[in-house]
C-alpha atoms as a PDB file:
ATOM      1  CA  MET A   1      38.284   9.622 -41.105  1.00  0.00           C
ATOM      2  CA  LYS A   2      34.822   9.505 -42.723  1.00  0.00           C
ATOM      3  CA  THR A   3      34.838   5.713 -42.476  1.00  0.00           C
ATOM      4  CA  SER A   4      35.564   5.763 -38.761  1.00  0.00           C
ATOM      5  CA  ARG A   5      32.751   8.295 -38.144  1.00  0.00           C
ATOM      6  CA  ARG A   6      30.356   6.209 -40.180  1.00  0.00           C
ATOM      7  CA  ALA A   7      31.365   3.090 -38.233  1.00  0.00           C
ATOM      8  CA  PHE A   8      30.918   4.973 -34.956  1.00  0.00           C
ATOM      9  CA  VAL A   9      27.430   6.185 -35.926  1.00  0.00           C
ATOM     10  CA  LEU A  10      26.435   2.707 -37.087  1.00  0.00           C
ATOM     11  CA  SER A  11      27.675   1.162 -33.824  1.00  0.00           C
ATOM     12  CA  LEU A  12      25.633   3.699 -31.824  1.00  0.00           C
ATOM     13  CA  PHE A  13      22.569   2.887 -33.902  1.00  0.00           C
ATOM     14  CA  ALA A  14      23.119  -0.858 -33.419  1.00  0.00           C
ATOM     15  CA  ALA A  15      23.572  -0.419 -29.661  1.00  0.00           C
ATOM     16  CA  GLY A  16      20.381   1.636 -29.419  1.00  0.00           C
ATOM     17  CA  THR A  17      18.443  -0.935 -31.427  1.00  0.00           C
ATOM     18  CA  ALA A  18      19.768  -3.784 -29.276  1.00  0.00           C
ATOM     19  CA  SER A  19      18.932  -2.032 -26.017  1.00  0.00           C
ATOM     20  CA  ALA A  20      15.399  -1.288 -27.238  1.00  0.00           C
ATOM     21  CA  GLN A  21      15.029  -4.859 -28.482  1.00  0.00           C
ATOM     22  CA  PHE A  22      16.076  -6.418 -25.176  1.00  0.00           C
ATOM     23  CA  GLY A  23      14.243  -3.917 -22.985  1.00  0.00           C
ATOM     24  CA  LEU A  24      17.342  -2.358 -21.483  1.00  0.00           C
ATOM     25  CA  ASN A  25      15.794   1.121 -21.479  1.00  0.00           C
ATOM     26  CA  LYS A  26      12.550   0.073 -19.780  1.00  0.00           C
ATOM     27  CA  LYS A  27      11.795   1.417 -16.341  1.00  0.00           C
ATOM     28  CA  LYS A  28      11.567  -1.101 -13.546  1.00  0.00           C
ATOM     29  CA  LYS A  29       8.016  -1.999 -12.702  1.00  0.00           C
ATOM     30  CA  GLU A  30       6.995  -1.149  -9.159  1.00  0.00           C
ATOM     31  CA  PRO A  31       5.846  -4.170  -7.152  1.00  0.00           C
ATOM     32  CA  PRO A  32       2.085  -4.346  -6.642  1.00  0.00           C
ATOM     33  CA  THR A  33       0.815  -2.960  -3.365  1.00  0.00           C
ATOM     34  CA  ARG A  34      -2.327  -3.131  -1.297  1.00  0.00           C
ATOM     35  CA  THR A  35      -4.716  -0.538   0.136  1.00  0.00           C
ATOM     36  CA  VAL A  36      -6.724  -0.920   3.340  1.00  0.00           C
ATOM     37  CA  LYS A  37      -9.535   1.496   4.111  1.00  0.00           C
ATOM     38  CA  GLY A  38     -12.782   1.660   5.980  1.00  0.00           C
ATOM     39  CA  GLU A  39     -14.857   3.386   8.618  1.00  0.00           C
ATOM     40  CA  VAL A  40     -14.977   3.389  12.408  1.00  0.00           C
ATOM     41  CA  MET A  41     -18.511   3.556  13.783  1.00  0.00           C
ATOM     42  CA  SER A  42     -20.311   3.166  17.094  1.00  0.00           C
ATOM     43  CA  GLU A  43     -22.921   0.447  17.652  1.00  0.00           C
ATOM     44  CA  GLN A  44     -25.569   3.037  16.721  1.00  0.00           C
ATOM     45  CA  GLY A  45     -23.845   3.738  13.385  1.00  0.00           C
ATOM     46  CA  ASP A  46     -22.393   7.103  14.367  1.00  0.00           C
ATOM     47  CA  PRO A  47     -18.890   7.881  13.076  1.00  0.00           C
ATOM     48  CA  ILE A  48     -16.102   7.884  15.647  1.00  0.00           C
ATOM     49  CA  ALA A  49     -12.980  10.031  15.358  1.00  0.00           C
ATOM     50  CA  ALA A  50     -10.805   7.079  16.393  1.00  0.00           C
ATOM     51  CA  VAL A  51      -7.163   6.208  15.933  1.00  0.00           C
ATOM     52  CA  VAL A  52      -6.481   3.314  13.579  1.00  0.00           C
ATOM     53  CA  GLN A  53      -3.088   1.598  13.822  1.00  0.00           C
ATOM     54  CA  LEU A  54      -1.582  -0.735  11.262  1.00  0.00           C
ATOM     55  CA  LYS A  55       1.202  -3.034  12.463  1.00  0.00           C
ATOM     56  CA  ASN A  56       3.555  -4.836  10.055  1.00  0.00           C
ATOM     57  CA  THR A  57       3.981  -8.300  11.597  1.00  0.00           C
ATOM     58  CA  LYS A  58       7.437  -8.789  10.023  1.00  0.00           C
ATOM     59  CA  THR A  59       9.097  -5.522  11.011  1.00  0.00           C
ATOM     60  CA  LEU A  60       6.716  -4.591  13.867  1.00  0.00           C
ATOM     61  CA  ASN A  61       6.524  -1.033  12.460  1.00  0.00           C
ATOM     62  CA  VAL A  62       3.280   0.728  13.331  1.00  0.00           C
ATOM     63  CA  LYS A  63       1.528   3.389  11.234  1.00  0.00           C
ATOM     64  CA  SER A  64      -1.252   5.453  12.767  1.00  0.00           C
ATOM     65  CA  PHE A  65      -4.131   7.258  11.109  1.00  0.00           C
ATOM     66  CA  HIS A  66      -6.600   9.555  12.849  1.00  0.00           C
ATOM     67  CA  ALA A  67      -9.968   8.764  11.353  1.00  0.00           C
ATOM     68  CA  THR A  68     -11.796  11.713   9.835  1.00  0.00           C
ATOM     69  CA  ALA A  69     -14.894  13.282  11.366  1.00  0.00           C
ATOM     70  CA  ARG A  70     -16.873  10.807   9.243  1.00  0.00           C
ATOM     71  CA  GLY A  71     -14.893   7.922  10.795  1.00  0.00           C
ATOM     72  CA  GLU A  72     -12.938   7.159   7.613  1.00  0.00           C
ATOM     73  CA  TYR A  73      -9.339   5.895   7.486  1.00  0.00           C
ATOM     74  CA  TYR A  74      -6.962   4.889   4.683  1.00  0.00           C
ATOM     75  CA  PHE A  75      -3.598   3.082   4.383  1.00  0.00           C
ATOM     76  CA  HIS A  76      -1.898   2.569   1.015  1.00  0.00           C
ATOM     77  CA  GLY A  77       1.363   1.176  -0.398  1.00  0.00           C
ATOM     78  CA  LEU A  78       1.192  -1.980   1.710  1.00  0.00           C
ATOM     79  CA  ASP A  79       3.289  -5.026   0.815  1.00  0.00           C
ATOM     80  CA  LEU A  80       1.193  -7.939  -0.499  1.00  0.00           C
ATOM     81  CA  ASN A  81       3.628 -10.429   1.076  1.00  0.00           C
ATOM     82  CA  VAL A  82       3.217  -9.202   4.650  1.00  0.00           C
ATOM     83  CA  ASP A  83       0.503  -9.817   7.237  1.00  0.00           C
ATOM     84  CA  TYR A  84      -0.716  -6.766   9.126  1.00  0.00           C
ATOM     85  CA  GLN A  85      -2.686  -6.272  12.312  1.00  0.00           C
ATOM     86  CA  ILE A  86      -5.098  -3.372  12.179  1.00  0.00           C
ATOM     87  CA  LYS A  87      -6.558  -1.907  15.370  1.00  0.00           C
ATOM     88  CA  ALA A  88      -9.129   0.829  16.001  1.00  0.00           C
ATOM     89  CA  PHE A  89      -9.557   2.543  19.336  1.00  0.00           C
ATOM     90  CA  ALA A  90     -11.130   5.654  20.817  1.00  0.00           C
ATOM     91  CA  LYS A  91     -11.644   7.042  24.295  1.00  0.00           C
ATOM     92  CA  GLY A  92     -14.668   5.466  25.959  1.00  0.00           C
ATOM     93  CA  PHE A  93     -14.828   2.572  23.475  1.00  0.00           C
ATOM     94  CA  GLN A  94     -13.407  -0.955  23.459  1.00  0.00           C
ATOM     95  CA  GLU A  95     -10.636  -1.449  20.919  1.00  0.00           C
ATOM     96  CA  ARG A  96     -10.960  -3.969  18.137  1.00  0.00           C
ATOM     97  CA  THR A  97      -8.178  -5.749  16.219  1.00  0.00           C
ATOM     98  CA  ARG A  98      -8.367  -7.473  12.837  1.00  0.00           C
ATOM     99  CA  THR A  99      -5.814  -9.195  10.605  1.00  0.00           C
ATOM    100  CA  VAL A 100      -4.893  -8.355   7.007  1.00  0.00           C
ATOM    101  CA  SER A 101      -3.643 -11.675   5.629  1.00  0.00           C
ATOM    102  CA  THR A 102      -1.301 -12.452   2.753  1.00  0.00           C
ATOM    103  CA  PHE A 103      -3.761 -15.177   1.755  1.00  0.00           C
ATOM    104  CA  ASP A 104      -6.264 -12.500   0.758  1.00  0.00           C
ATOM    105  CA  ASP A 105      -5.037 -11.506  -2.708  1.00  0.00           C
ATOM    106  CA  ARG A 106      -7.312  -8.479  -3.188  1.00  0.00           C
ATOM    107  CA  LYS A 107      -5.483  -5.200  -3.857  1.00  0.00           C
ATOM    108  CA  GLU A 108      -8.072  -3.084  -2.008  1.00  0.00           C
ATOM    109  CA  LEU A 109      -9.503  -4.240   1.296  1.00  0.00           C
ATOM    110  CA  ILE A 110     -12.310  -2.615   3.236  1.00  0.00           C
ATOM    111  CA  TYR A 111     -12.346  -3.190   6.994  1.00  0.00           C
ATOM    112  CA  ASN A 112     -15.112  -1.404   8.850  1.00  0.00           C
ATOM    113  CA  PHE A 113     -14.951  -1.283  12.636  1.00  0.00           C
ATOM    114  CA  GLU A 114     -17.920  -1.134  15.002  1.00  0.00           C
ATOM    115  CA  LEU A 115     -16.695  -0.132  18.457  1.00  0.00           C
ATOM    116  CA  LYS A 116     -18.714  -0.833  21.596  1.00  0.00           C
ATOM    117  CA  LYS A 117     -18.861   1.536  24.563  1.00  0.00           C
ATOM    118  CA  GLN A 118     -16.856   0.467  27.578  1.00  0.00           C
END
């Protein structure tokens, strides 16, 4: 009986050592993501409380962000392997669209918008 317990304990120890050695207990690494942020301003440099939309060109899903009173917006957790179209618009101003490309490998992108009056 003692021999079988000892063998059992040794097998547990060996299994634990093997799993640690081969990385079986490691957590999966999250894939890297991208952040896009910036400001929406008028031609005179005044902040605009605009709506900024981000469109995934693969899935066509659209996320919207209402810019702050200082004209700031922020999108995070974006897939590096997807192109996005980002558009800013506000009442009384012409909208502007830009592209976030997969060829740009930066993790944090800053896109400032200057909207012209209609």
